[in-house]
Protein backbone atom coordinates (compact mmCIF):
# COMPACT_ATOMS: atom_id res chain seq x y z
CA MET A 1 0.00 0.00 0.00
CA ALA A 2 1.37 3.41 -0.96
CA GLU A 3 1.96 6.10 1.59
CA ALA A 4 -0.31 9.10 1.59
CA SER A 5 2.67 11.42 1.06
CA ASN A 6 3.00 10.08 -2.51
CA PHE A 7 -0.26 11.72 -3.50
CA LEU A 8 0.42 15.44 -3.75
CA THR A 9 -2.60 17.70 -3.87
CA GLU A 10 -0.66 20.88 -4.54
CA PRO A 11 2.85 21.72 -5.69
CA ALA A 12 5.67 22.96 -3.54
CA TYR A 13 5.99 26.74 -3.62
CA SER A 14 9.03 26.57 -5.90
CA GLN A 15 7.07 24.45 -8.38
CA LYS A 16 3.96 26.69 -8.64
CA PHE A 17 3.01 28.38 -11.92
CA LYS A 18 4.60 31.84 -11.62
CA VAL A 19 2.50 34.47 -13.34
CA SER A 20 5.33 37.06 -13.52
CA ARG A 21 7.69 34.59 -15.25
CA ALA A 22 4.94 33.40 -17.58
CA LYS A 23 4.23 37.01 -18.57
CA GLU A 24 7.91 37.54 -19.36
CA VAL A 25 7.94 34.42 -21.56
CA ILE A 26 4.79 35.45 -23.41
CA ALA A 27 5.92 39.08 -23.88
CA ALA A 28 9.32 37.99 -25.31
CA ILE A 29 7.62 35.68 -27.77
CA LEU A 30 5.12 38.28 -28.89
CA LYS A 31 7.78 40.90 -29.31
CA THR A 32 10.03 38.59 -31.31
CA ARG A 33 7.25 37.26 -33.56
CA LEU A 34 5.21 40.38 -34.16
CA THR A 35 7.55 43.41 -34.16
CA GLY A 36 7.31 44.92 -37.59
CA ALA A 37 4.52 42.58 -38.65
CA ALA A 38 1.57 43.97 -40.60
CA TYR A 39 -1.92 42.63 -40.25
CA HIS A 40 -3.20 40.43 -43.03
CA ALA A 41 -6.22 38.18 -42.46
CA ASP A 42 -4.61 35.26 -44.33
CA ASN A 43 -1.66 35.17 -41.88
CA THR A 44 -3.30 35.56 -38.51
CA SER A 45 -4.60 31.97 -38.15
CA SER A 46 -1.16 30.44 -38.65
CA TRP A 47 0.56 33.15 -36.59
CA ALA A 48 -1.87 32.56 -33.67
CA ARG A 49 -1.26 28.78 -33.78
CA GLU A 50 2.51 29.14 -34.02
CA ILE A 51 2.60 31.66 -31.14
CA ALA A 52 0.38 29.47 -28.98
CA ASP A 53 2.59 26.40 -29.65
CA GLU A 54 5.72 28.36 -28.84
CA VAL A 55 4.27 29.74 -25.59
CA LYS A 56 3.26 26.26 -24.53
CA LYS A 57 6.71 24.84 -25.39
CA ARG A 58 8.55 27.58 -23.48
CA LEU A 59 6.31 27.24 -20.42
CA LYS A 60 6.98 23.49 -20.35
CA GLU A 61 10.71 24.33 -20.34
CA GLU A 62 10.21 26.36 -17.14
CA GLY A 63 10.04 23.04 -15.24
CA TRP A 64 6.80 23.57 -13.35
CA THR A 65 6.06 19.85 -12.88
CA ARG A 66 2.57 18.34 -13.19
CA TYR A 67 1.16 21.42 -14.95
CA LYS A 68 -0.93 21.27 -18.08
CA TYR A 69 -1.06 24.39 -20.27
CA ALA A 70 -3.80 25.82 -22.42
CA VAL A 71 -2.87 28.86 -24.51
CA GLN A 72 -5.24 31.21 -26.35
CA VAL A 73 -3.98 33.76 -28.89
CA PHE A 74 -6.15 36.42 -30.53
CA ILE A 75 -4.81 38.54 -33.35
CA GLY A 76 -6.83 41.36 -34.80
CA GLU A 77 -6.50 44.40 -37.03
CA GLN A 78 -5.74 47.70 -35.32
CA ARG A 79 -8.61 49.93 -36.37
CA GLY A 80 -9.14 52.08 -33.30
CA GLU A 81 -12.10 49.99 -32.09
CA GLY A 82 -12.52 48.38 -28.72
CA VAL A 83 -12.37 44.64 -28.17
CA ARG A 84 -13.66 42.74 -25.21
CA LEU A 85 -12.39 39.17 -24.56
CA GLY A 86 -13.46 36.82 -21.81
CA CYS A 87 -13.07 33.23 -20.78
CA ARG A 88 -14.46 31.01 -18.12
CA GLY A 89 -12.92 28.01 -16.41
CA PHE A 90 -13.25 25.72 -13.42
CA TRP A 91 -10.11 25.28 -11.39
CA ASP A 92 -8.43 25.28 -7.99
CA PRO A 93 -7.34 28.83 -7.02
CA LYS A 94 -4.57 27.38 -4.76
CA THR A 95 -2.72 25.73 -7.61
CA ASP A 96 -3.97 27.00 -10.98
CA ASN A 97 -3.37 30.43 -12.52
CA PHE A 98 -3.05 32.37 -15.75
CA ALA A 99 -0.92 35.05 -17.40
CA THR A 100 -1.95 37.46 -20.15
CA GLU A 101 0.15 39.80 -22.30
CA ILE A 102 -0.89 42.22 -25.01
CA PHE A 103 1.19 43.31 -28.05
CA GLN A 104 0.21 46.21 -30.25
CA ASN A 105 1.71 48.03 -33.20
CA GLU A 106 0.25 50.36 -35.83
CA SER A 107 -1.28 47.49 -37.80
CA LEU A 108 -2.39 44.77 -35.37
CA PHE A 109 -2.99 43.77 -31.77
CA CYS A 110 -2.45 40.41 -30.12
CA VAL A 111 -3.75 39.10 -26.81
CA ALA A 112 -2.09 35.91 -25.55
CA THR A 113 -3.21 34.09 -22.42
CA ALA A 114 -1.64 31.00 -20.92
CA PHE A 115 -3.51 28.95 -18.32
CA GLY A 116 -1.51 26.70 -15.99
CA VAL A 117 -3.60 23.91 -14.49
CA TYR A 118 -2.07 21.58 -11.88
CA LEU A 119 -2.70 17.87 -12.37
CA TYR A 120 -3.43 16.07 -9.11
């Protein structure tokens, strides 16, 4: 019979999803990928997918064990209009968290959100 200590219900503090670090990772990726880019509807779908995959890969490299990542990337044309985005989820506020970063230039805007969900 396994000991109860083998069944962790939350990560050690050093292993928790760190919002500030995740924001740095996302911001660096957005800056690298989108600086100087011009909006074109044909490109945004592939850009969003590539950025989301890169964010997920880089977050996995951070070494936060037992976390699963979901990444949403929205790219739109900069036309001076407002945009409202929302999401809803069911999670444990002691272990799960998210980080959002926004990139804008004269032509486009991008909102990238990464959700870190701890696997029990």
